Amino acid sequence: MKKTLFLLLTILFAITANAQDEVVGTTFIQPTVGLNITSTICQKDYHNSKTFAKDHSDLTVGADIGYRSSKHFMPSLGVFWNRAGIKCETKSLYGNYTDNKVIANYLSFPLQASYVTHNPTHNFRIGGGVQPSICLGASGDENISMNSFSFGLCAVIGYSFNNKLSIELRSSVSLADDYGPRDNMSSNLHSSNLTMSAITIGYRFNFKNH
C-alpha cells in the first residue's frame, strides 16, 4: 500500500512538474473565429450635437502567434481578417438624403503584450498594444470613401481552459480617419474612426522550446 501510494505521488508530482514546465518557454499558434460589432457614430442632424451609433455585426477569423517568455508575460502577433460594416446618412449637392452602408474587408495585425496568470492548466489573460490594418476592398454604396490603411490601439481579455481552448473579448479603435463622404457629398458622420469589438473562440497549439 505504501509503495502504491508513493508511486502515485511520484507520478502526480512528475505530471505537475511537467505541466508547469510546459507553460513558460512555450511558443503557441492559436487559430481564432468570432463575431465582431463595428460602430459608426453619427450626428443626429447638422444642427444638433447629439450622437447615435449604427452597429453592424459580422465575422472575424485569424490566428495569434505568441511566446510565453515568463510566468506572467506573453507577447503575441496576430493576423486577422475582419468584415466591418459602415452605416451613415449622406447628403448630395442637390439636398437629397440617403442612408448608406458599406461592407469593408480588413486585414489586421494586432501586436500585443499580455499579462497572464501562472497556472499549468488554465490562465487569465489581459493585454493591449497596437494594430495596423489594411483595407482589402469594400462593397456597397459609393457615397462613402474608405482609406486603404488604418492604425490604432487594441486590447484583449481572455480565459483559456487547459491552455488549449480560449474565449476572448477583443476591442480595437483606430487613431486615424478610416472613412468619409466622397467629394461631392456631405455627411453627418461625427467620427470616422473605426471602432470594433469582438467575442472569439480559439484553440491553442503549444510547441515547447528546447
N, C-alpha and C. Protein backbone atom coordinates (compact mmCIF):
# COMPACT_ATOMS: atom_id res chain seq x y z
N MET A 1 0.83 -1.21 0.00
CA MET A 1 0.00 0.00 0.00
C MET A 1 0.87 1.26 0.00
N LYS A 2 1.92 1.25 0.81
CA LYS A 2 2.81 2.40 0.88
C LYS A 2 3.53 2.60 -0.45
N LYS A 3 3.95 1.46 -1.07
CA LYS A 3 4.62 1.56 -2.35
C LYS A 3 3.70 2.13 -3.42
N THR A 4 2.42 1.67 -3.37
CA THR A 4 1.44 2.16 -4.34
C THR A 4 1.20 3.65 -4.15
N LEU A 5 1.04 4.07 -2.89
CA LEU A 5 0.82 5.48 -2.60
C LEU A 5 2.03 6.32 -3.02
N PHE A 6 3.21 5.81 -2.73
CA PHE A 6 4.43 6.52 -3.12
C PHE A 6 4.54 6.65 -4.64
N LEU A 7 4.16 5.57 -5.36
CA LEU A 7 4.21 5.59 -6.82
C LEU A 7 3.21 6.61 -7.39
N LEU A 8 2.01 6.65 -6.80
CA LEU A 8 1.00 7.61 -7.25
C LEU A 8 1.45 9.05 -7.00
N LEU A 9 2.04 9.29 -5.84
CA LEU A 9 2.52 10.62 -5.53
C LEU A 9 3.66 11.02 -6.46
N THR A 10 4.52 10.05 -6.79
CA THR A 10 5.62 10.32 -7.71
C THR A 10 5.11 10.67 -9.10
N ILE A 11 4.11 9.90 -9.58
CA ILE A 11 3.52 10.17 -10.90
C ILE A 11 2.83 11.54 -10.91
N LEU A 12 2.08 11.84 -9.82
CA LEU A 12 1.39 13.13 -9.72
C LEU A 12 2.38 14.28 -9.72
N PHE A 13 3.47 14.13 -8.98
CA PHE A 13 4.50 15.17 -8.93
C PHE A 13 5.14 15.37 -10.31
N ALA A 14 5.39 14.26 -11.00
CA ALA A 14 6.01 14.35 -12.32
C ALA A 14 5.08 15.04 -13.31
N ILE A 15 3.79 14.70 -13.25
CA ILE A 15 2.82 15.33 -14.15
C ILE A 15 2.72 16.82 -13.87
N THR A 16 2.65 17.18 -12.58
CA THR A 16 2.55 18.58 -12.19
C THR A 16 3.77 19.36 -12.62
N ALA A 17 4.96 18.78 -12.36
CA ALA A 17 6.20 19.46 -12.73
C ALA A 17 6.30 19.63 -14.23
N ASN A 18 5.89 18.62 -14.97
CA ASN A 18 5.94 18.69 -16.43
C ASN A 18 4.96 19.72 -16.96
N ALA A 19 3.76 19.79 -16.35
CA ALA A 19 2.76 20.77 -16.79
C ALA A 19 3.25 22.18 -16.56
N GLN A 20 3.90 22.44 -15.40
CA GLN A 20 4.42 23.77 -15.14
C GLN A 20 5.54 24.10 -16.12
N ASP A 21 6.32 23.10 -16.49
CA ASP A 21 7.43 23.28 -17.42
C ASP A 21 6.94 23.68 -18.80
N GLU A 22 5.76 23.19 -19.15
CA GLU A 22 5.24 23.44 -20.49
C GLU A 22 4.68 24.84 -20.64
N VAL A 23 4.44 25.55 -19.53
CA VAL A 23 3.83 26.87 -19.62
C VAL A 23 4.86 27.91 -20.02
N VAL A 24 5.93 28.03 -19.25
CA VAL A 24 6.96 29.02 -19.54
C VAL A 24 7.89 28.49 -20.64
N GLY A 25 8.27 29.34 -21.58
CA GLY A 25 9.14 28.95 -22.67
C GLY A 25 8.43 28.22 -23.78
N THR A 26 7.13 28.47 -23.93
CA THR A 26 6.33 27.78 -24.95
C THR A 26 5.90 28.76 -26.03
N THR A 27 6.06 28.35 -27.28
CA THR A 27 5.52 29.09 -28.40
C THR A 27 4.17 28.48 -28.78
N PHE A 28 3.20 29.31 -29.10
CA PHE A 28 1.89 28.77 -29.44
C PHE A 28 1.35 29.44 -30.70
N ILE A 29 0.50 28.71 -31.39
CA ILE A 29 -0.30 29.22 -32.50
C ILE A 29 -1.76 28.99 -32.15
N GLN A 30 -2.55 30.05 -32.24
CA GLN A 30 -3.95 29.95 -31.82
C GLN A 30 -4.89 30.43 -32.93
N PRO A 31 -5.43 29.51 -33.74
CA PRO A 31 -6.48 29.89 -34.70
C PRO A 31 -7.72 30.35 -33.95
N THR A 32 -8.39 31.36 -34.49
CA THR A 32 -9.49 32.01 -33.78
C THR A 32 -10.61 32.36 -34.75
N VAL A 33 -11.84 32.24 -34.28
CA VAL A 33 -13.00 32.66 -35.06
C VAL A 33 -13.98 33.33 -34.11
N GLY A 34 -14.70 34.34 -34.60
CA GLY A 34 -15.64 35.01 -33.72
C GLY A 34 -16.56 35.97 -34.44
N LEU A 35 -17.32 36.70 -33.66
CA LEU A 35 -18.29 37.67 -34.15
C LEU A 35 -17.87 39.06 -33.70
N ASN A 36 -17.83 40.00 -34.63
CA ASN A 36 -17.46 41.37 -34.27
C ASN A 36 -18.63 42.32 -34.47
N ILE A 37 -18.54 43.46 -33.80
CA ILE A 37 -19.51 44.54 -33.94
C ILE A 37 -18.74 45.82 -34.24
N THR A 38 -18.98 46.43 -35.38
CA THR A 38 -18.36 47.71 -35.71
C THR A 38 -19.39 48.82 -35.53
N SER A 39 -18.93 49.94 -34.98
CA SER A 39 -19.81 51.06 -34.68
C SER A 39 -19.48 52.28 -35.52
N THR A 40 -20.51 52.93 -36.01
CA THR A 40 -20.39 54.19 -36.71
C THR A 40 -21.11 55.25 -35.88
N ILE A 41 -20.40 56.29 -35.46
CA ILE A 41 -21.00 57.33 -34.64
C ILE A 41 -21.40 58.49 -35.53
N CYS A 42 -22.67 58.87 -35.49
CA CYS A 42 -23.19 59.91 -36.36
C CYS A 42 -23.91 60.98 -35.55
N GLN A 43 -23.96 62.19 -36.11
CA GLN A 43 -24.76 63.24 -35.52
C GLN A 43 -26.23 63.00 -35.82
N LYS A 44 -27.06 63.41 -34.86
CA LYS A 44 -28.50 63.26 -35.08
C LYS A 44 -28.95 64.11 -36.25
N ASP A 45 -28.43 65.32 -36.36
CA ASP A 45 -28.65 66.17 -37.52
C ASP A 45 -27.52 67.19 -37.55
N TYR A 46 -27.55 68.08 -38.51
CA TYR A 46 -26.43 69.00 -38.69
C TYR A 46 -26.46 70.18 -37.71
N HIS A 47 -27.54 70.31 -36.96
CA HIS A 47 -27.64 71.43 -36.03
C HIS A 47 -27.78 70.95 -34.59
N ASN A 48 -27.47 69.70 -34.35
CA ASN A 48 -27.64 69.14 -33.01
C ASN A 48 -26.41 68.31 -32.68
N SER A 49 -25.87 68.46 -31.49
CA SER A 49 -24.64 67.77 -31.11
C SER A 49 -24.90 66.34 -30.62
N LYS A 50 -26.15 65.96 -30.48
CA LYS A 50 -26.45 64.60 -30.02
C LYS A 50 -25.97 63.59 -31.05
N THR A 51 -25.52 62.45 -30.56
CA THR A 51 -24.99 61.42 -31.46
C THR A 51 -25.74 60.11 -31.26
N PHE A 52 -25.65 59.26 -32.24
CA PHE A 52 -26.18 57.91 -32.13
C PHE A 52 -25.26 56.97 -32.88
N ALA A 53 -25.28 55.71 -32.53
CA ALA A 53 -24.39 54.72 -33.14
C ALA A 53 -25.20 53.76 -33.98
N LYS A 54 -24.69 53.48 -35.16
CA LYS A 54 -25.26 52.44 -36.02
C LYS A 54 -24.28 51.28 -36.05
N ASP A 55 -24.69 50.14 -35.52
CA ASP A 55 -23.81 48.99 -35.38
C ASP A 55 -24.05 47.97 -36.48
N HIS A 56 -23.01 47.23 -36.77
CA HIS A 56 -23.07 46.16 -37.76
C HIS A 56 -22.30 44.95 -37.23
N SER A 57 -22.91 43.78 -37.29
CA SER A 57 -22.27 42.54 -36.82
C SER A 57 -21.77 41.74 -38.01
N ASP A 58 -20.57 41.16 -37.84
CA ASP A 58 -20.00 40.38 -38.93
C ASP A 58 -18.95 39.41 -38.40
N LEU A 59 -18.10 38.91 -39.29
CA LEU A 59 -17.20 37.80 -38.97
C LEU A 59 -15.77 38.27 -38.74
N THR A 60 -15.09 37.57 -37.82
CA THR A 60 -13.66 37.75 -37.56
C THR A 60 -13.00 36.39 -37.59
N VAL A 61 -11.94 36.24 -38.39
CA VAL A 61 -11.19 34.99 -38.49
C VAL A 61 -9.70 35.32 -38.50
N GLY A 62 -8.91 34.55 -37.77
CA GLY A 62 -7.47 34.80 -37.78
C GLY A 62 -6.71 33.87 -36.87
N ALA A 63 -5.51 34.29 -36.50
CA ALA A 63 -4.66 33.47 -35.64
C ALA A 63 -3.65 34.36 -34.92
N ASP A 64 -3.28 33.95 -33.72
CA ASP A 64 -2.24 34.59 -32.93
C ASP A 64 -1.03 33.68 -32.86
N ILE A 65 0.15 34.26 -32.93
CA ILE A 65 1.40 33.55 -32.67
C ILE A 65 2.04 34.23 -31.46
N GLY A 66 2.27 33.47 -30.40
CA GLY A 66 2.78 34.06 -29.17
C GLY A 66 3.85 33.23 -28.52
N TYR A 67 4.48 33.84 -27.52
CA TYR A 67 5.57 33.19 -26.79
C TYR A 67 5.42 33.50 -25.31
N ARG A 68 5.33 32.44 -24.51
CA ARG A 68 5.24 32.60 -23.05
C ARG A 68 6.66 32.76 -22.51
N SER A 69 7.12 34.01 -22.43
CA SER A 69 8.51 34.28 -22.08
C SER A 69 8.79 34.20 -20.58
N SER A 70 7.75 34.38 -19.75
CA SER A 70 7.91 34.28 -18.30
C SER A 70 6.59 33.86 -17.69
N LYS A 71 6.52 33.82 -16.37
CA LYS A 71 5.30 33.37 -15.71
C LYS A 71 4.11 34.26 -16.05
N HIS A 72 4.36 35.56 -16.20
CA HIS A 72 3.25 36.49 -16.34
C HIS A 72 3.32 37.37 -17.59
N PHE A 73 4.25 37.11 -18.50
CA PHE A 73 4.39 37.97 -19.68
C PHE A 73 4.31 37.14 -20.95
N MET A 74 3.50 37.62 -21.91
CA MET A 74 3.30 36.87 -23.14
C MET A 74 3.10 37.84 -24.31
N PRO A 75 4.11 38.10 -25.13
CA PRO A 75 3.93 38.89 -26.35
C PRO A 75 3.31 38.04 -27.45
N SER A 76 2.57 38.67 -28.34
CA SER A 76 1.94 37.93 -29.43
C SER A 76 1.74 38.83 -30.64
N LEU A 77 1.69 38.21 -31.81
CA LEU A 77 1.39 38.90 -33.06
C LEU A 77 0.27 38.15 -33.76
N GLY A 78 -0.76 38.87 -34.16
CA GLY A 78 -1.90 38.23 -34.80
C GLY A 78 -2.07 38.66 -36.25
N VAL A 79 -2.76 37.83 -37.00
CA VAL A 79 -3.18 38.14 -38.36
C VAL A 79 -4.67 37.82 -38.44
N PHE A 80 -5.51 38.84 -38.64
CA PHE A 80 -6.95 38.65 -38.61
C PHE A 80 -7.61 39.30 -39.83
N TRP A 81 -8.59 38.57 -40.36
CA TRP A 81 -9.46 39.10 -41.41
C TRP A 81 -10.77 39.51 -40.76
N ASN A 82 -11.13 40.79 -40.91
CA ASN A 82 -12.35 41.32 -40.30
C ASN A 82 -13.24 41.93 -41.37
N ARG A 83 -14.53 41.68 -41.25
CA ARG A 83 -15.52 42.37 -42.09
C ARG A 83 -16.17 43.45 -41.24
N ALA A 84 -16.07 44.69 -41.71
CA ALA A 84 -16.60 45.82 -40.96
C ALA A 84 -17.72 46.48 -41.74
N GLY A 85 -18.80 46.83 -41.04
CA GLY A 85 -19.93 47.49 -41.67
C GLY A 85 -19.98 48.96 -41.30
N ILE A 86 -20.04 49.83 -42.29
CA ILE A 86 -20.11 51.27 -42.09
C ILE A 86 -21.51 51.75 -42.49
N LYS A 87 -22.19 52.44 -41.59
CA LYS A 87 -23.53 52.96 -41.88
C LYS A 87 -23.58 54.45 -41.57
N CYS A 88 -24.14 55.24 -42.46
CA CYS A 88 -24.33 56.66 -42.18
C CYS A 88 -25.30 57.24 -43.19
N GLU A 89 -25.62 58.50 -43.01
CA GLU A 89 -26.51 59.22 -43.92
C GLU A 89 -25.70 60.27 -44.66
N THR A 90 -25.83 60.33 -45.97
CA THR A 90 -25.12 61.32 -46.76
C THR A 90 -26.11 62.26 -47.44
N LYS A 91 -25.61 63.44 -47.79
CA LYS A 91 -26.43 64.46 -48.44
C LYS A 91 -25.75 64.88 -49.73
N SER A 92 -26.47 64.82 -50.83
CA SER A 92 -25.91 65.19 -52.13
C SER A 92 -25.91 66.70 -52.30
N LEU A 93 -25.29 67.15 -53.40
CA LEU A 93 -25.28 68.58 -53.70
C LEU A 93 -26.67 69.14 -53.97
N TYR A 94 -27.60 68.25 -54.31
CA TYR A 94 -28.98 68.67 -54.58
C TYR A 94 -29.85 68.65 -53.33
N GLY A 95 -29.26 68.29 -52.19
CA GLY A 95 -30.01 68.31 -50.94
C GLY A 95 -30.74 67.02 -50.62
N ASN A 96 -30.48 65.96 -51.39
CA ASN A 96 -31.15 64.68 -51.14
C ASN A 96 -30.39 63.89 -50.08
N TYR A 97 -31.12 63.29 -49.12
CA TYR A 97 -30.52 62.48 -48.07
C TYR A 97 -30.64 60.99 -48.43
N THR A 98 -29.57 60.26 -48.18
CA THR A 98 -29.55 58.83 -48.49
C THR A 98 -28.90 58.06 -47.36
N ASP A 99 -29.54 56.97 -46.95
CA ASP A 99 -28.92 56.07 -45.98
C ASP A 99 -27.94 55.17 -46.72
N ASN A 100 -26.70 55.14 -46.26
CA ASN A 100 -25.65 54.40 -46.96
C ASN A 100 -25.06 53.32 -46.06
N LYS A 101 -24.61 52.26 -46.71
CA LYS A 101 -23.97 51.15 -45.99
C LYS A 101 -22.86 50.59 -46.86
N VAL A 102 -21.69 50.37 -46.24
CA VAL A 102 -20.55 49.81 -46.93
C VAL A 102 -20.00 48.66 -46.10
N ILE A 103 -19.70 47.55 -46.74
CA ILE A 103 -19.04 46.42 -46.08
C ILE A 103 -17.58 46.41 -46.54
N ALA A 104 -16.67 46.55 -45.59
CA ALA A 104 -15.24 46.61 -45.91
C ALA A 104 -14.51 45.40 -45.33
N ASN A 105 -13.56 44.88 -46.07
CA ASN A 105 -12.72 43.76 -45.62
C ASN A 105 -11.36 44.28 -45.17
N TYR A 106 -10.99 43.95 -43.94
CA TYR A 106 -9.72 44.42 -43.37
C TYR A 106 -8.83 43.25 -43.01
N LEU A 107 -7.54 43.43 -43.23
CA LEU A 107 -6.52 42.51 -42.74
C LEU A 107 -5.75 43.25 -41.64
N SER A 108 -5.88 42.76 -40.40
CA SER A 108 -5.33 43.45 -39.24
C SER A 108 -4.20 42.65 -38.62
N PHE A 109 -3.26 43.38 -38.01
CA PHE A 109 -2.07 42.75 -37.40
C PHE A 109 -1.90 43.25 -35.96
N PRO A 110 -2.68 42.71 -35.02
CA PRO A 110 -2.55 43.16 -33.63
C PRO A 110 -1.24 42.67 -33.00
N LEU A 111 -0.42 43.62 -32.53
CA LEU A 111 0.81 43.32 -31.82
C LEU A 111 0.58 43.68 -30.36
N GLN A 112 0.58 42.65 -29.49
CA GLN A 112 0.15 42.86 -28.11
C GLN A 112 1.14 42.29 -27.10
N ALA A 113 1.10 42.86 -25.91
CA ALA A 113 1.80 42.33 -24.75
C ALA A 113 0.75 42.04 -23.68
N SER A 114 0.74 40.82 -23.15
CA SER A 114 -0.31 40.41 -22.23
C SER A 114 0.26 39.97 -20.88
N TYR A 115 -0.52 40.28 -19.84
CA TYR A 115 -0.25 39.72 -18.51
C TYR A 115 -1.11 38.47 -18.37
N VAL A 116 -0.52 37.36 -17.95
CA VAL A 116 -1.25 36.11 -17.79
C VAL A 116 -0.99 35.55 -16.40
N THR A 117 -1.99 34.89 -15.84
CA THR A 117 -1.80 34.21 -14.58
C THR A 117 -0.99 32.93 -14.80
N HIS A 118 -0.28 32.51 -13.78
CA HIS A 118 0.60 31.34 -13.92
C HIS A 118 -0.09 30.11 -13.36
N ASN A 119 -0.53 29.25 -14.26
CA ASN A 119 -1.20 28.01 -13.87
C ASN A 119 -0.95 26.99 -14.97
N PRO A 120 -0.63 25.74 -14.61
CA PRO A 120 -0.30 24.74 -15.63
C PRO A 120 -1.49 24.29 -16.47
N THR A 121 -2.73 24.53 -16.01
CA THR A 121 -3.89 24.01 -16.73
C THR A 121 -4.79 25.10 -17.31
N HIS A 122 -4.76 26.29 -16.77
CA HIS A 122 -5.62 27.35 -17.29
C HIS A 122 -5.01 28.70 -16.92
N ASN A 123 -5.41 29.75 -17.61
CA ASN A 123 -4.92 31.08 -17.26
C ASN A 123 -5.85 32.17 -17.74
N PHE A 124 -5.75 33.30 -17.06
CA PHE A 124 -6.49 34.52 -17.40
C PHE A 124 -5.53 35.48 -18.09
N ARG A 125 -5.97 36.12 -19.14
CA ARG A 125 -5.11 36.98 -19.94
C ARG A 125 -5.73 38.36 -20.10
N ILE A 126 -4.92 39.39 -19.92
CA ILE A 126 -5.34 40.75 -20.22
C ILE A 126 -4.15 41.48 -20.86
N GLY A 127 -4.39 42.14 -21.98
CA GLY A 127 -3.29 42.76 -22.68
C GLY A 127 -3.74 43.84 -23.64
N GLY A 128 -2.77 44.46 -24.28
CA GLY A 128 -3.07 45.51 -25.23
C GLY A 128 -1.86 45.81 -26.09
N GLY A 129 -2.07 46.65 -27.09
CA GLY A 129 -0.97 47.00 -27.98
C GLY A 129 -1.45 47.86 -29.13
N VAL A 130 -0.78 47.71 -30.26
CA VAL A 130 -1.10 48.50 -31.45
C VAL A 130 -1.60 47.57 -32.56
N GLN A 131 -2.34 48.14 -33.50
CA GLN A 131 -2.92 47.32 -34.56
C GLN A 131 -2.97 48.08 -35.88
N PRO A 132 -2.02 47.84 -36.78
CA PRO A 132 -2.15 48.36 -38.14
C PRO A 132 -3.10 47.47 -38.94
N SER A 133 -3.83 48.07 -39.87
CA SER A 133 -4.79 47.33 -40.69
C SER A 133 -4.74 47.82 -42.13
N ILE A 134 -5.03 46.91 -43.04
CA ILE A 134 -5.09 47.22 -44.46
C ILE A 134 -6.49 46.93 -44.96
N CYS A 135 -7.09 47.88 -45.66
CA CYS A 135 -8.40 47.67 -46.26
C CYS A 135 -8.22 46.94 -47.58
N LEU A 136 -8.73 45.72 -47.65
CA LEU A 136 -8.58 44.89 -48.85
C LEU A 136 -9.58 45.25 -49.94
N GLY A 137 -10.62 45.94 -49.55
CA GLY A 137 -11.65 46.30 -50.52
C GLY A 137 -12.98 46.52 -49.82
N ALA A 138 -13.90 47.16 -50.51
CA ALA A 138 -15.20 47.47 -49.93
C ALA A 138 -16.27 47.36 -51.00
N SER A 139 -17.47 47.06 -50.56
CA SER A 139 -18.61 46.97 -51.47
C SER A 139 -19.81 47.64 -50.83
N GLY A 140 -20.68 48.16 -51.66
CA GLY A 140 -21.87 48.84 -51.16
C GLY A 140 -22.03 50.19 -51.80
N ASP A 141 -22.62 51.13 -51.07
CA ASP A 141 -22.86 52.46 -51.60
C ASP A 141 -21.55 53.18 -51.91
N GLU A 142 -21.51 53.89 -53.00
CA GLU A 142 -20.30 54.57 -53.43
C GLU A 142 -20.17 55.97 -52.82
N ASN A 143 -21.12 56.36 -51.97
CA ASN A 143 -21.05 57.70 -51.37
C ASN A 143 -20.04 57.77 -50.24
N ILE A 144 -19.59 56.61 -49.74
CA ILE A 144 -18.62 56.57 -48.65
C ILE A 144 -17.27 56.12 -49.19
N SER A 145 -16.24 56.85 -48.87
CA SER A 145 -14.89 56.53 -49.32
C SER A 145 -14.11 55.90 -48.17
N MET A 146 -13.44 54.76 -48.44
CA MET A 146 -12.66 54.05 -47.44
C MET A 146 -11.17 54.29 -47.66
N ASN A 147 -10.42 54.58 -46.60
CA ASN A 147 -8.98 54.70 -46.70
C ASN A 147 -8.35 53.31 -46.72
N SER A 148 -7.22 53.18 -47.41
CA SER A 148 -6.60 51.87 -47.60
C SER A 148 -5.79 51.40 -46.40
N PHE A 149 -5.41 52.32 -45.49
CA PHE A 149 -4.58 51.94 -44.34
C PHE A 149 -5.15 52.54 -43.07
N SER A 150 -5.05 51.77 -41.99
CA SER A 150 -5.55 52.22 -40.69
C SER A 150 -4.55 51.82 -39.61
N PHE A 151 -4.48 52.64 -38.57
CA PHE A 151 -3.59 52.34 -37.44
C PHE A 151 -4.29 52.74 -36.15
N GLY A 152 -4.23 51.84 -35.15
CA GLY A 152 -4.92 52.14 -33.91
C GLY A 152 -4.41 51.33 -32.73
N LEU A 153 -5.22 51.33 -31.67
CA LEU A 153 -4.91 50.60 -30.45
C LEU A 153 -5.83 49.40 -30.33
N CYS A 154 -5.36 48.36 -29.64
CA CYS A 154 -6.18 47.16 -29.46
C CYS A 154 -6.00 46.63 -28.04
N ALA A 155 -6.97 45.86 -27.57
CA ALA A 155 -6.94 45.28 -26.23
C ALA A 155 -7.60 43.91 -26.26
N VAL A 156 -7.25 43.05 -25.31
CA VAL A 156 -7.83 41.71 -25.23
C VAL A 156 -7.97 41.28 -23.78
N ILE A 157 -9.07 40.61 -23.47
CA ILE A 157 -9.29 39.97 -22.18
C ILE A 157 -9.77 38.55 -22.48
N GLY A 158 -9.11 37.55 -21.91
CA GLY A 158 -9.48 36.18 -22.24
C GLY A 158 -9.21 35.19 -21.13
N TYR A 159 -9.76 34.00 -21.32
CA TYR A 159 -9.57 32.91 -20.37
C TYR A 159 -9.38 31.62 -21.16
N SER A 160 -8.35 30.86 -20.82
CA SER A 160 -8.09 29.61 -21.53
C SER A 160 -8.26 28.42 -20.60
N PHE A 161 -8.78 27.33 -21.15
CA PHE A 161 -9.01 26.09 -20.42
C PHE A 161 -7.97 25.07 -20.86
N ASN A 162 -7.25 24.52 -19.89
CA ASN A 162 -6.20 23.52 -20.16
C ASN A 162 -5.15 24.04 -21.13
N ASN A 163 -4.98 25.39 -21.16
CA ASN A 163 -4.04 26.02 -22.09
C ASN A 163 -4.31 25.63 -23.54
N LYS A 164 -5.57 25.34 -23.83
CA LYS A 164 -5.95 24.94 -25.19
C LYS A 164 -7.10 25.81 -25.71
N LEU A 165 -8.31 25.56 -25.19
CA LEU A 165 -9.49 26.30 -25.63
C LEU A 165 -9.52 27.67 -24.96
N SER A 166 -9.71 28.71 -25.76
CA SER A 166 -9.65 30.07 -25.25
C SER A 166 -10.88 30.86 -25.68
N ILE A 167 -11.46 31.61 -24.75
CA ILE A 167 -12.56 32.53 -25.03
C ILE A 167 -12.07 33.94 -24.72
N GLU A 168 -12.23 34.85 -25.69
CA GLU A 168 -11.64 36.18 -25.53
C GLU A 168 -12.59 37.28 -25.98
N LEU A 169 -12.45 38.43 -25.33
CA LEU A 169 -13.10 39.66 -25.76
C LEU A 169 -12.02 40.57 -26.33
N ARG A 170 -12.20 41.01 -27.56
CA ARG A 170 -11.22 41.86 -28.23
C ARG A 170 -11.85 43.20 -28.60
N SER A 171 -11.03 44.22 -28.57
CA SER A 171 -11.51 45.56 -28.93
C SER A 171 -10.40 46.33 -29.62
N SER A 172 -10.76 47.16 -30.58
CA SER A 172 -9.79 48.00 -31.27
C SER A 172 -10.45 49.31 -31.66
N VAL A 173 -9.65 50.36 -31.67
CA VAL A 173 -10.13 51.67 -32.11
C VAL A 173 -9.04 52.33 -32.93
N SER A 174 -9.41 52.85 -34.06
CA SER A 174 -8.44 53.49 -34.96
C SER A 174 -8.12 54.90 -34.47
N LEU A 175 -6.88 55.32 -34.71
CA LEU A 175 -6.45 56.67 -34.35
C LEU A 175 -6.46 57.62 -35.54
N ALA A 176 -6.83 57.11 -36.70
CA ALA A 176 -6.83 57.93 -37.92
C ALA A 176 -8.20 57.84 -38.58
N ASP A 177 -8.45 58.73 -39.54
CA ASP A 177 -9.70 58.69 -40.29
C ASP A 177 -9.70 57.47 -41.21
N ASP A 178 -10.74 56.65 -41.07
CA ASP A 178 -10.84 55.43 -41.87
C ASP A 178 -11.80 55.57 -43.04
N TYR A 179 -12.77 56.46 -42.92
CA TYR A 179 -13.78 56.58 -43.97
C TYR A 179 -14.40 57.97 -43.90
N GLY A 180 -15.08 58.33 -44.95
CA GLY A 180 -15.73 59.63 -45.01
C GLY A 180 -16.54 59.74 -46.29
N PRO A 181 -17.29 60.84 -46.45
CA PRO A 181 -18.07 61.02 -47.68
C PRO A 181 -17.16 61.36 -48.85
N ARG A 182 -17.61 61.04 -50.05
CA ARG A 182 -16.85 61.41 -51.24
C ARG A 182 -16.94 62.92 -51.48
N ASP A 183 -16.16 63.40 -52.44
CA ASP A 183 -16.00 64.84 -52.63
C ASP A 183 -17.31 65.56 -52.92
N ASN A 184 -18.23 64.88 -53.59
CA ASN A 184 -19.47 65.55 -53.98
C ASN A 184 -20.60 65.30 -52.98
N MET A 185 -20.23 64.85 -51.77
CA MET A 185 -21.23 64.54 -50.77
C MET A 185 -20.87 65.25 -49.45
N SER A 186 -21.89 65.50 -48.65
CA SER A 186 -21.68 65.88 -47.25
C SER A 186 -22.32 64.80 -46.40
N SER A 187 -21.85 64.67 -45.16
CA SER A 187 -22.29 63.54 -44.34
C SER A 187 -22.46 63.98 -42.89
N ASN A 188 -23.29 63.24 -42.16
CA ASN A 188 -23.44 63.51 -40.74
C ASN A 188 -22.55 62.59 -39.90
N LEU A 189 -21.49 62.09 -40.50
CA LEU A 189 -20.52 61.30 -39.74
C LEU A 189 -19.89 62.18 -38.68
N HIS A 190 -20.01 61.77 -37.42
CA HIS A 190 -19.42 62.53 -36.32
C HIS A 190 -18.01 62.05 -36.04
N SER A 191 -17.75 60.78 -36.27
CA SER A 191 -16.42 60.22 -36.06
C SER A 191 -16.13 59.24 -37.18
N SER A 192 -14.98 59.37 -37.79
CA SER A 192 -14.62 58.45 -38.87
C SER A 192 -13.54 57.47 -38.41
N ASN A 193 -13.45 57.25 -37.10
CA ASN A 193 -12.54 56.26 -36.55
C ASN A 193 -13.27 54.94 -36.42
N LEU A 194 -12.70 53.90 -37.02
CA LEU A 194 -13.32 52.59 -37.00
C LEU A 194 -13.18 51.97 -35.61
N THR A 195 -14.29 51.65 -34.98
CA THR A 195 -14.30 51.04 -33.64
C THR A 195 -14.90 49.64 -33.76
N MET A 196 -14.19 48.65 -33.23
CA MET A 196 -14.63 47.27 -33.36
C MET A 196 -14.48 46.52 -32.05
N SER A 197 -15.49 45.74 -31.70
CA SER A 197 -15.45 44.83 -30.55
C SER A 197 -15.82 43.44 -31.04
N ALA A 198 -15.20 42.42 -30.44
CA ALA A 198 -15.44 41.05 -30.91
C ALA A 198 -15.37 40.07 -29.75
N ILE A 199 -16.15 39.01 -29.84
CA ILE A 199 -16.02 37.87 -28.94
C ILE A 199 -15.57 36.69 -29.79
N THR A 200 -14.49 36.03 -29.36
CA THR A 200 -13.88 34.99 -30.20
C THR A 200 -13.63 33.72 -29.40
N ILE A 201 -13.53 32.62 -30.13
CA ILE A 201 -13.16 31.33 -29.56
C ILE A 201 -11.94 30.82 -30.33
N GLY A 202 -10.92 30.41 -29.61
CA GLY A 202 -9.70 29.92 -30.25
C GLY A 202 -9.22 28.62 -29.64
N TYR A 203 -8.37 27.92 -30.38
CA TYR A 203 -7.77 26.69 -29.88
C TYR A 203 -6.26 26.79 -30.04
N ARG A 204 -5.55 26.61 -28.96
CA ARG A 204 -4.11 26.85 -28.92
C ARG A 204 -3.32 25.57 -29.14
N PHE A 205 -2.35 25.65 -30.05
CA PHE A 205 -1.39 24.57 -30.27
C PHE A 205 -0.04 25.02 -29.70
N ASN A 206 0.43 24.28 -28.67
CA ASN A 206 1.65 24.66 -27.98
C ASN A 206 2.85 23.89 -28.53
N PHE A 207 3.98 24.60 -28.64
CA PHE A 207 5.23 23.99 -29.08
C PHE A 207 6.31 24.35 -28.08
N LYS A 208 6.82 23.35 -27.38
CA LYS A 208 7.82 23.59 -26.36
C LYS A 208 9.15 23.91 -27.00
N ASN A 209 9.78 25.01 -26.52
CA ASN A 209 11.11 25.38 -26.99
C ASN A 209 12.18 24.68 -26.18
N HIS A 210 13.21 24.19 -26.81
CA HIS A 210 14.29 23.50 -26.13
C HIS A 210 15.55 24.34 -26.16
